[in-house]
Amino acid sequence: MYRRKDAVKPEVLECLSSLKSPFVAGISRTGQVNGLTYIIMPFYSNGSLAAVLEKNIRFTEDEIKTVILPSIIEGLKAIHDSGIIHKDLKPAI
């Protein structure tokens, strides 16, 4: 649930809901409760990148170069190709 009203535009939610990419978490449902927008996404047992880093799990330089960064780039490309420009990247949701 977003903590701020109008945190995300309806057209962005619609675009993200139809986006199909292995590098972008899917959205199965959206709605509003008390004027606040919520999204329902799949559960990932490892959580966000921030959650992994909080567990003091570290990646090798090779893992960062060959898996982590390329995956982030592909996810951003898929989002950008659908017409969305992400302005606030961070390792958490």
PDB file of N, CA and C in Angstrom:
ATOM      1  N   MET A   1       0.846  -1.164   0.000  1.00  0.00           N
ATOM      2  CA  MET A   1       0.000   0.000   0.000  1.00  0.00           C
ATOM      3  C   MET A   1       0.893   1.228   0.000  1.00  0.00           C
ATOM      4  N   TYR A   2       0.578   2.149  -0.853  1.00  0.00           N
ATOM      5  CA  TYR A   2       1.316   3.409  -0.901  1.00  0.00           C
ATOM      6  C   TYR A   2       0.861   4.289   0.252  1.00  0.00           C
ATOM      7  N   ARG A   3       1.781   4.976   0.883  1.00  0.00           N
ATOM      8  CA  ARG A   3       1.482   5.788   2.067  1.00  0.00           C
ATOM      9  C   ARG A   3       0.957   7.170   1.724  1.00  0.00           C
ATOM     10  N   ARG A   4       1.033   7.537   0.469  1.00  0.00           N
ATOM     11  CA  ARG A   4       0.664   8.875   0.044  1.00  0.00           C
ATOM     12  C   ARG A   4      -0.457   8.777  -0.996  1.00  0.00           C
ATOM     13  N   LYS A   5      -1.466   9.620  -0.861  1.00  0.00           N
ATOM     14  CA  LYS A   5      -2.524   9.648  -1.864  1.00  0.00           C
ATOM     15  C   LYS A   5      -1.925  10.103  -3.185  1.00  0.00           C
ATOM     16  N   ASP A   6      -2.437   9.567  -4.260  1.00  0.00           N
ATOM     17  CA  ASP A   6      -1.958   9.909  -5.607  1.00  0.00           C
ATOM     18  C   ASP A   6      -0.468   9.628  -5.786  1.00  0.00           C
ATOM     19  N   ALA A   7       0.058   8.621  -5.100  1.00  0.00           N
ATOM     20  CA  ALA A   7       1.485   8.281  -5.195  1.00  0.00           C
ATOM     21  C   ALA A   7       1.830   7.707  -6.567  1.00  0.00           C
ATOM     22  N   VAL A   8       0.851   7.102  -7.187  1.00  0.00           N
ATOM     23  CA  VAL A   8       1.088   6.496  -8.505  1.00  0.00           C
ATOM     24  C   VAL A   8      -0.128   6.774  -9.382  1.00  0.00           C
ATOM     25  N   LYS A   9       0.135   7.156 -10.616  1.00  0.00           N
ATOM     26  CA  LYS A   9      -0.949   7.502 -11.545  1.00  0.00           C
ATOM     27  C   LYS A   9      -1.661   6.237 -12.016  1.00  0.00           C
ATOM     28  N   PRO A  10      -2.985   6.309 -12.182  1.00  0.00           N
ATOM     29  CA  PRO A  10      -3.746   5.138 -12.655  1.00  0.00           C
ATOM     30  C   PRO A  10      -3.211   4.572 -13.965  1.00  0.00           C
ATOM     31  N   GLU A  11      -2.775   5.435 -14.885  1.00  0.00           N
ATOM     32  CA  GLU A  11      -2.271   4.936 -16.172  1.00  0.00           C
ATOM     33  C   GLU A  11      -0.955   4.172 -16.002  1.00  0.00           C
ATOM     34  N   VAL A  12      -0.173   4.528 -14.998  1.00  0.00           N
ATOM     35  CA  VAL A  12       1.059   3.794 -14.712  1.00  0.00           C
ATOM     36  C   VAL A  12       0.710   2.410 -14.164  1.00  0.00           C
ATOM     37  N   LEU A  13      -0.264   2.359 -13.252  1.00  0.00           N
ATOM     38  CA  LEU A  13      -0.703   1.058 -12.717  1.00  0.00           C
ATOM     39  C   LEU A  13      -1.245   0.170 -13.825  1.00  0.00           C
ATOM     40  N   GLU A  14      -2.010   0.745 -14.725  1.00  0.00           N
ATOM     41  CA  GLU A  14      -2.573  -0.026 -15.835  1.00  0.00           C
ATOM     42  C   GLU A  14      -1.454  -0.584 -16.719  1.00  0.00           C
ATOM     43  N   CYS A  15      -0.476   0.244 -16.993  1.00  0.00           N
ATOM     44  CA  CYS A  15       0.654  -0.168 -17.823  1.00  0.00           C
ATOM     45  C   CYS A  15       1.461  -1.268 -17.127  1.00  0.00           C
ATOM     46  N   LEU A  16       1.745  -1.085 -15.841  1.00  0.00           N
ATOM     47  CA  LEU A  16       2.502  -2.090 -15.098  1.00  0.00           C
ATOM     48  C   LEU A  16       1.726  -3.400 -14.968  1.00  0.00           C
ATOM     49  N   SER A  17       0.412  -3.311 -14.835  1.00  0.00           N
ATOM     50  CA  SER A  17      -0.411  -4.518 -14.702  1.00  0.00           C
ATOM     51  C   SER A  17      -0.359  -5.382 -15.953  1.00  0.00           C
ATOM     52  N   SER A  18      -0.177  -4.745 -17.105  1.00  0.00           N
ATOM     53  CA  SER A  18      -0.145  -5.513 -18.355  1.00  0.00           C
ATOM     54  C   SER A  18       1.274  -5.890 -18.776  1.00  0.00           C
ATOM     55  N   LEU A  19       2.271  -5.393 -18.071  1.00  0.00           N
ATOM     56  CA  LEU A  19       3.665  -5.673 -18.407  1.00  0.00           C
ATOM     57  C   LEU A  19       4.024  -7.118 -18.076  1.00  0.00           C
ATOM     58  N   LYS A  20       4.606  -7.798 -19.026  1.00  0.00           N
ATOM     59  CA  LYS A  20       5.039  -9.184 -18.834  1.00  0.00           C
ATOM     60  C   LYS A  20       6.538  -9.257 -19.078  1.00  0.00           C
ATOM     61  N   SER A  21       7.303  -9.348 -18.011  1.00  0.00           N
ATOM     62  CA  SER A  21       8.753  -9.452 -18.118  1.00  0.00           C
ATOM     63  C   SER A  21       9.266 -10.274 -16.951  1.00  0.00           C
ATOM     64  N   PRO A  22      10.221 -11.165 -17.201  1.00  0.00           N
ATOM     65  CA  PRO A  22      10.795 -11.933 -16.092  1.00  0.00           C
ATOM     66  C   PRO A  22      11.641 -11.056 -15.159  1.00  0.00           C
ATOM     67  N   PHE A  23      11.873  -9.803 -15.546  1.00  0.00           N
ATOM     68  CA  PHE A  23      12.702  -8.907 -14.751  1.00  0.00           C
ATOM     69  C   PHE A  23      11.891  -7.869 -13.980  1.00  0.00           C
ATOM     70  N   VAL A  24      10.563  -7.943 -14.081  1.00  0.00           N
ATOM     71  CA  VAL A  24       9.680  -6.990 -13.389  1.00  0.00           C
ATOM     72  C   VAL A  24       8.622  -7.797 -12.649  1.00  0.00           C
ATOM     73  N   ALA A  25       8.476  -7.528 -11.350  1.00  0.00           N
ATOM     74  CA  ALA A  25       7.448  -8.221 -10.563  1.00  0.00           C
ATOM     75  C   ALA A  25       6.079  -7.910 -11.139  1.00  0.00           C
ATOM     76  N   GLY A  26       5.277  -8.942 -11.327  1.00  0.00           N
ATOM     77  CA  GLY A  26       3.939  -8.755 -11.865  1.00  0.00           C
ATOM     78  C   GLY A  26       2.992  -8.135 -10.849  1.00  0.00           C
ATOM     79  N   ILE A  27       1.947  -7.554 -11.343  1.00  0.00           N
ATOM     80  CA  ILE A  27       0.899  -7.000 -10.490  1.00  0.00           C
ATOM     81  C   ILE A  27      -0.374  -7.766 -10.818  1.00  0.00           C
ATOM     82  N   SER A  28      -0.960  -8.416  -9.817  1.00  0.00           N
ATOM     83  CA  SER A  28      -2.166  -9.194 -10.073  1.00  0.00           C
ATOM     84  C   SER A  28      -3.448  -8.414  -9.787  1.00  0.00           C
ATOM     85  N   ARG A  29      -3.346  -7.385  -8.954  1.00  0.00           N
ATOM     86  CA  ARG A  29      -4.543  -6.604  -8.646  1.00  0.00           C
ATOM     87  C   ARG A  29      -4.129  -5.260  -8.069  1.00  0.00           C
ATOM     88  N   THR A  30      -4.954  -4.247  -8.327  1.00  0.00           N
ATOM     89  CA  THR A  30      -4.766  -2.926  -7.738  1.00  0.00           C
ATOM     90  C   THR A  30      -6.103  -2.441  -7.207  1.00  0.00           C
ATOM     91  N   GLY A  31      -6.057  -1.474  -6.317  1.00  0.00           N
ATOM     92  CA  GLY A  31      -7.293  -0.901  -5.791  1.00  0.00           C
ATOM     93  C   GLY A  31      -6.983   0.229  -4.834  1.00  0.00           C
ATOM     94  N   GLN A  32      -8.032   0.675  -4.152  1.00  0.00           N
ATOM     95  CA  GLN A  32      -7.860   1.744  -3.173  1.00  0.00           C
ATOM     96  C   GLN A  32      -8.612   1.416  -1.896  1.00  0.00           C
ATOM     97  N   VAL A  33      -8.014   1.801  -0.776  1.00  0.00           N
ATOM     98  CA  VAL A  33      -8.631   1.688   0.537  1.00  0.00           C
ATOM     99  C   VAL A  33      -8.418   3.035   1.226  1.00  0.00           C
ATOM    100  N   ASN A  34      -9.504   3.643   1.646  1.00  0.00           N
ATOM    101  CA  ASN A  34      -9.423   4.965   2.297  1.00  0.00           C
ATOM    102  C   ASN A  34      -8.607   5.957   1.484  1.00  0.00           C
ATOM    103  N   GLY A  35      -8.758   5.917   0.171  1.00  0.00           N
ATOM    104  CA  GLY A  35      -8.065   6.849  -0.703  1.00  0.00           C
ATOM    105  C   GLY A  35      -6.614   6.511  -0.989  1.00  0.00           C
ATOM    106  N   LEU A  36      -6.098   5.422  -0.415  1.00  0.00           N
ATOM    107  CA  LEU A  36      -4.716   5.018  -0.647  1.00  0.00           C
ATOM    108  C   LEU A  36      -4.674   3.840  -1.620  1.00  0.00           C
ATOM    109  N   THR A  37      -3.789   3.928  -2.579  1.00  0.00           N
ATOM    110  CA  THR A  37      -3.667   2.883  -3.596  1.00  0.00           C
ATOM    111  C   THR A  37      -2.874   1.698  -3.050  1.00  0.00           C
ATOM    112  N   TYR A  38      -3.339   0.500  -3.401  1.00  0.00           N
ATOM    113  CA  TYR A  38      -2.578  -0.699  -3.066  1.00  0.00           C
ATOM    114  C   TYR A  38      -2.368  -1.514  -4.329  1.00  0.00           C
ATOM    115  N   ILE A  39      -1.307  -2.322  -4.307  1.00  0.00           N
ATOM    116  CA  ILE A  39      -1.062  -3.274  -5.386  1.00  0.00           C
ATOM    117  C   ILE A  39      -0.781  -4.630  -4.757  1.00  0.00           C
ATOM    118  N   ILE A  40      -1.212  -5.664  -5.435  1.00  0.00           N
ATOM    119  CA  ILE A  40      -0.933  -7.029  -5.002  1.00  0.00           C
ATOM    120  C   ILE A  40       0.038  -7.630  -6.004  1.00  0.00           C
ATOM    121  N   MET A  41       1.165  -8.082  -5.447  1.00  0.00           N
ATOM    122  CA  MET A  41       2.245  -8.641  -6.261  1.00  0.00           C
ATOM    123  C   MET A  41       2.566 -10.038  -5.757  1.00  0.00           C
ATOM    124  N   PRO A  42       3.313 -10.811  -6.543  1.00  0.00           N
ATOM    125  CA  PRO A  42       3.706 -12.151  -6.082  1.00  0.00           C
ATOM    126  C   PRO A  42       4.592 -12.073  -4.836  1.00  0.00           C
ATOM    127  N   PHE A  43       4.565 -13.136  -4.071  1.00  0.00           N
ATOM    128  CA  PHE A  43       5.449 -13.245  -2.911  1.00  0.00           C
ATOM    129  C   PHE A  43       6.760 -13.855  -3.375  1.00  0.00           C
ATOM    130  N   TYR A  44       7.856 -13.199  -3.019  1.00  0.00           N
ATOM    131  CA  TYR A  44       9.186 -13.716  -3.327  1.00  0.00           C
ATOM    132  C   TYR A  44       9.848 -14.058  -2.007  1.00  0.00           C
ATOM    133  N   SER A  45      10.187 -15.315  -1.815  1.00  0.00           N
ATOM    134  CA  SER A  45      10.680 -15.778  -0.520  1.00  0.00           C
ATOM    135  C   SER A  45      11.966 -15.080  -0.080  1.00  0.00           C
ATOM    136  N   ASN A  46      12.785 -14.629  -1.025  1.00  0.00           N
ATOM    137  CA  ASN A  46      14.016 -13.915  -0.662  1.00  0.00           C
ATOM    138  C   ASN A  46      13.781 -12.432  -0.410  1.00  0.00           C
ATOM    139  N   GLY A  47      12.597 -11.936  -0.717  1.00  0.00           N
ATOM    140  CA  GLY A  47      12.286 -10.531  -0.476  1.00  0.00           C
ATOM    141  C   GLY A  47      12.984  -9.605  -1.452  1.00  0.00           C
ATOM    142  N   SER A  48      13.072  -8.349  -1.057  1.00  0.00           N
ATOM    143  CA  SER A  48      13.694  -7.337  -1.903  1.00  0.00           C
ATOM    144  C   SER A  48      15.209  -7.409  -1.797  1.00  0.00           C
ATOM    145  N   LEU A  49      15.868  -6.689  -2.663  1.00  0.00           N
ATOM    146  CA  LEU A  49      17.323  -6.611  -2.590  1.00  0.00           C
ATOM    147  C   LEU A  49      17.741  -6.031  -1.243  1.00  0.00           C
ATOM    148  N   ALA A  50      16.988  -5.055  -0.740  1.00  0.00           N
ATOM    149  CA  ALA A  50      17.302  -4.473   0.573  1.00  0.00           C
ATOM    150  C   ALA A  50      17.222  -5.540   1.668  1.00  0.00           C
ATOM    151  N   ALA A  51      16.218  -6.403   1.599  1.00  0.00           N
ATOM    152  CA  ALA A  51      16.076  -7.463   2.614  1.00  0.00           C
ATOM    153  C   ALA A  51      17.240  -8.444   2.555  1.00  0.00           C
ATOM    154  N   VAL A  52      17.688  -8.768   1.357  1.00  0.00           N
ATOM    155  CA  VAL A  52      18.836  -9.670   1.199  1.00  0.00           C
ATOM    156  C   VAL A  52      20.081  -9.018   1.788  1.00  0.00           C
ATOM    157  N   LEU A  53      20.291  -7.745   1.487  1.00  0.00           N
ATOM    158  CA  LEU A  53      21.469  -7.043   1.995  1.00  0.00           C
ATOM    159  C   LEU A  53      21.424  -6.889   3.518  1.00  0.00           C
ATOM    160  N   GLU A  54      20.217  -6.730   4.084  1.00  0.00           N
ATOM    161  CA  GLU A  54      20.084  -6.631   5.545  1.00  0.00           C
ATOM    162  C   GLU A  54      20.513  -7.923   6.240  1.00  0.00           C
ATOM    163  N   LYS A  55      20.420  -9.041   5.544  1.00  0.00           N
ATOM    164  CA  LYS A  55      20.843 -10.333   6.101  1.00  0.00           C
ATOM    165  C   LYS A  55      22.353 -10.525   5.963  1.00  0.00           C
ATOM    166  N   ASN A  56      23.028  -9.460   5.543  1.00  0.00           N
ATOM    167  CA  ASN A  56      24.474  -9.479   5.327  1.00  0.00           C
ATOM    168  C   ASN A  56      24.909 -10.461   4.239  1.00  0.00           C
ATOM    169  N   ILE A  57      24.012 -10.742   3.334  1.00  0.00           N
ATOM    170  CA  ILE A  57      24.370 -11.550   2.175  1.00  0.00           C
ATOM    171  C   ILE A  57      25.051 -10.610   1.181  1.00  0.00           C
ATOM    172  N   ARG A  58      26.202 -10.980   0.749  1.00  0.00           N
ATOM    173  CA  ARG A  58      26.955 -10.155  -0.179  1.00  0.00           C
ATOM    174  C   ARG A  58      27.165 -10.921  -1.479  1.00  0.00           C
ATOM    175  N   PHE A  59      27.234 -10.169  -2.541  1.00  0.00           N
ATOM    176  CA  PHE A  59      27.438 -10.752  -3.862  1.00  0.00           C
ATOM    177  C   PHE A  59      28.879 -10.536  -4.296  1.00  0.00           C
ATOM    178  N   THR A  60      29.375 -11.464  -5.078  1.00  0.00           N
ATOM    179  CA  THR A  60      30.718 -11.292  -5.621  1.00  0.00           C
ATOM    180  C   THR A  60      30.653 -10.241  -6.738  1.00  0.00           C
ATOM    181  N   GLU A  61      31.800  -9.724  -7.078  1.00  0.00           N
ATOM    182  CA  GLU A  61      31.865  -8.757  -8.178  1.00  0.00           C
ATOM    183  C   GLU A  61      31.332  -9.390  -9.463  1.00  0.00           C
ATOM    184  N   ASP A  62      31.663 -10.655  -9.668  1.00  0.00           N
ATOM    185  CA  ASP A  62      31.190 -11.356 -10.866  1.00  0.00           C
ATOM    186  C   ASP A  62      29.661 -11.481 -10.861  1.00  0.00           C
ATOM    187  N   GLU A  63      29.067 -11.813  -9.721  1.00  0.00           N
ATOM    188  CA  GLU A  63      27.596 -11.913  -9.629  1.00  0.00           C
ATOM    189  C   GLU A  63      26.942 -10.557  -9.914  1.00  0.00           C
ATOM    190  N   ILE A  64      27.543  -9.503  -9.408  1.00  0.00           N
ATOM    191  CA  ILE A  64      26.998  -8.166  -9.646  1.00  0.00           C
ATOM    192  C   ILE A  64      27.062  -7.826 -11.131  1.00  0.00           C
ATOM    193  N   LYS A  65      28.206  -8.121 -11.756  1.00  0.00           N
ATOM    194  CA  LYS A  65      28.389  -7.779 -13.177  1.00  0.00           C
ATOM    195  C   LYS A  65      27.587  -8.665 -14.114  1.00  0.00           C
ATOM    196  N   THR A  66      27.421  -9.949 -13.771  1.00  0.00           N
ATOM    197  CA  THR A  66      26.806 -10.875 -14.727  1.00  0.00           C
ATOM    198  C   THR A  66      25.333 -11.185 -14.445  1.00  0.00           C
ATOM    199  N   VAL A  67      24.867 -10.941 -13.204  1.00  0.00           N
ATOM    200  CA  VAL A  67      23.480 -11.276 -12.863  1.00  0.00           C
ATOM    201  C   VAL A  67      22.700 -10.051 -12.374  1.00  0.00           C
ATOM    202  N   ILE A  68      23.180  -9.414 -11.318  1.00  0.00           N
ATOM    203  CA  ILE A  68      22.422  -8.343 -10.665  1.00  0.00           C
ATOM    204  C   ILE A  68      22.204  -7.157 -11.600  1.00  0.00           C
ATOM    205  N   LEU A  69      23.287  -6.532 -12.050  1.00  0.00           N
ATOM    206  CA  LEU A  69      23.143  -5.344 -12.902  1.00  0.00           C
ATOM    207  C   LEU A  69      22.428  -5.626 -14.218  1.00  0.00           C
ATOM    208  N   PRO A  70      22.749  -6.708 -14.931  1.00  0.00           N
ATOM    209  CA  PRO A  70      21.995  -6.981 -16.165  1.00  0.00           C
ATOM    210  C   PRO A  70      20.488  -7.182 -15.913  1.00  0.00           C
ATOM    211  N   SER A  71      20.137  -7.803 -14.792  1.00  0.00           N
ATOM    212  CA  SER A  71      18.717  -8.003 -14.471  1.00  0.00           C
ATOM    213  C   SER A  71      18.025  -6.676 -14.201  1.00  0.00           C
ATOM    214  N   ILE A  72      18.687  -5.795 -13.460  1.00  0.00           N
ATOM    215  CA  ILE A  72      18.120  -4.470 -13.190  1.00  0.00           C
ATOM    216  C   ILE A  72      17.958  -3.690 -14.490  1.00  0.00           C
ATOM    217  N   ILE A  73      18.977  -3.743 -15.337  1.00  0.00           N
ATOM    218  CA  ILE A  73      18.919  -3.028 -16.616  1.00  0.00           C
ATOM    219  C   ILE A  73      17.773  -3.557 -17.479  1.00  0.00           C
ATOM    220  N   GLU A  74      17.604  -4.877 -17.538  1.00  0.00           N
ATOM    221  CA  GLU A  74      16.512  -5.460 -18.337  1.00  0.00           C
ATOM    222  C   GLU A  74      15.144  -5.060 -17.779  1.00  0.00           C
ATOM    223  N   GLY A  75      15.016  -5.042 -16.449  1.00  0.00           N
ATOM    224  CA  GLY A  75      13.758  -4.609 -15.837  1.00  0.00           C
ATOM    225  C   GLY A  75      13.455  -3.160 -16.152  1.00  0.00           C
ATOM    226  N   LEU A  76      14.446  -2.292 -16.026  1.00  0.00           N
ATOM    227  CA  LEU A  76      14.251  -0.879 -16.351  1.00  0.00           C
ATOM    228  C   LEU A  76      13.939  -0.690 -17.835  1.00  0.00           C
ATOM    229  N   LYS A  77      14.591  -1.477 -18.684  1.00  0.00           N
ATOM    230  CA  LYS A  77      14.314  -1.392 -20.123  1.00  0.00           C
ATOM    231  C   LYS A  77      12.862  -1.788 -20.414  1.00  0.00           C
ATOM    232  N   ALA A  78      12.398  -2.859 -19.784  1.00  0.00           N
ATOM    233  CA  ALA A  78      11.009  -3.296 -20.004  1.00  0.00           C
ATOM    234  C   ALA A  78      10.028  -2.213 -19.547  1.00  0.00           C
ATOM    235  N   ILE A  79      10.302  -1.615 -18.401  1.00  0.00           N
ATOM    236  CA  ILE A  79       9.437  -0.542 -17.899  1.00  0.00           C
ATOM    237  C   ILE A  79       9.498   0.657 -18.835  1.00  0.00           C
ATOM    238  N   HIS A  80      10.700   1.045 -19.241  1.00  0.00           N
ATOM    239  CA  HIS A  80      10.868   2.191 -20.132  1.00  0.00           C
ATOM    240  C   HIS A  80      10.186   1.947 -21.471  1.00  0.00           C
ATOM    241  N   ASP A  81      10.355   0.741 -22.017  1.00  0.00           N
ATOM    242  CA  ASP A  81       9.731   0.408 -23.303  1.00  0.00           C
ATOM    243  C   ASP A  81       8.207   0.478 -23.234  1.00  0.00           C
ATOM    244  N   SER A  82       7.647   0.319 -22.031  1.00  0.00           N
ATOM    245  CA  SER A  82       6.186   0.418 -21.894  1.00  0.00           C
ATOM    246  C   SER A  82       5.734   1.859 -21.667  1.00  0.00           C
ATOM    247  N   GLY A  83       6.702   2.792 -21.643  1.00  0.00           N
ATOM    248  CA  GLY A  83       6.349   4.205 -21.532  1.00  0.00           C
ATOM    249  C   GLY A  83       6.484   4.793 -20.140  1.00  0.00           C
ATOM    250  N   ILE A  84       7.067   4.047 -19.218  1.00  0.00           N
ATOM    251  CA  ILE A  84       7.217   4.521 -17.844  1.00  0.00           C
ATOM    252  C   ILE A  84       8.676   4.860 -17.596  1.00  0.00           C
ATOM    253  N   ILE A  85       8.916   6.028 -17.013  1.00  0.00           N
ATOM    254  CA  ILE A  85      10.254   6.419 -16.605  1.00  0.00           C
ATOM    255  C   ILE A  85      10.303   6.341 -15.090  1.00  0.00           C
ATOM    256  N   HIS A  86      11.158   5.472 -14.552  1.00  0.00           N
ATOM    257  CA  HIS A  86      11.274   5.305 -13.098  1.00  0.00           C
ATOM    258  C   HIS A  86      12.240   6.348 -12.574  1.00  0.00           C
ATOM    259  N   LYS A  87      11.786   7.137 -11.591  1.00  0.00           N
ATOM    260  CA  LYS A  87      12.594   8.263 -11.120  1.00  0.00           C
ATOM    261  C   LYS A  87      13.209   8.052  -9.749  1.00  0.00           C
ATOM    262  N   ASP A  88      12.903   6.960  -9.087  1.00  0.00           N
ATOM    263  CA  ASP A  88      13.349   6.807  -7.699  1.00  0.00           C
ATOM    264  C   ASP A  88      13.765   5.374  -7.442  1.00  0.00           C
ATOM    265  N   LEU A  89      14.967   5.015  -7.869  1.00  0.00           N
ATOM    266  CA  LEU A  89      15.430   3.648  -7.723  1.00  0.00           C
ATOM    267  C   LEU A  89      16.037   3.426  -6.347  1.00  0.00           C
ATOM    268  N   LYS A  90      15.623   2.346  -5.706  1.00  0.00           N
ATOM    269  CA  LYS A  90      16.206   1.940  -4.425  1.00  0.00           C
ATOM    270  C   LYS A  90      16.034   0.436  -4.307  1.00  0.00           C
ATOM    271  N   PRO A  91      16.788  -0.221  -3.412  1.00  0.00           N
ATOM    272  CA  PRO A  91      16.757  -1.683  -3.372  1.00  0.00           C
ATOM    273  C   PRO A  91      15.509  -2.265  -2.736  1.00  0.00           C
ATOM    274  N   ALA A  92      14.649  -1.468  -2.145  1.00  0.00           N
ATOM    275  CA  ALA A  92      13.425  -1.964  -1.523  1.00  0.00           C
ATOM    276  C   ALA A  92      12.248  -1.704  -2.456  1.00  0.00           C
ATOM    277  N   ILE A  93      11.109  -2.248  -2.099  1.00  0.00           N
ATOM    278  CA  ILE A  93       9.888  -2.038  -2.888  1.00  0.00           C
ATOM    279  C   ILE A  93       9.454  -0.607  -2.752  1.00  0.00           C
TER     280      ILE A  93
END
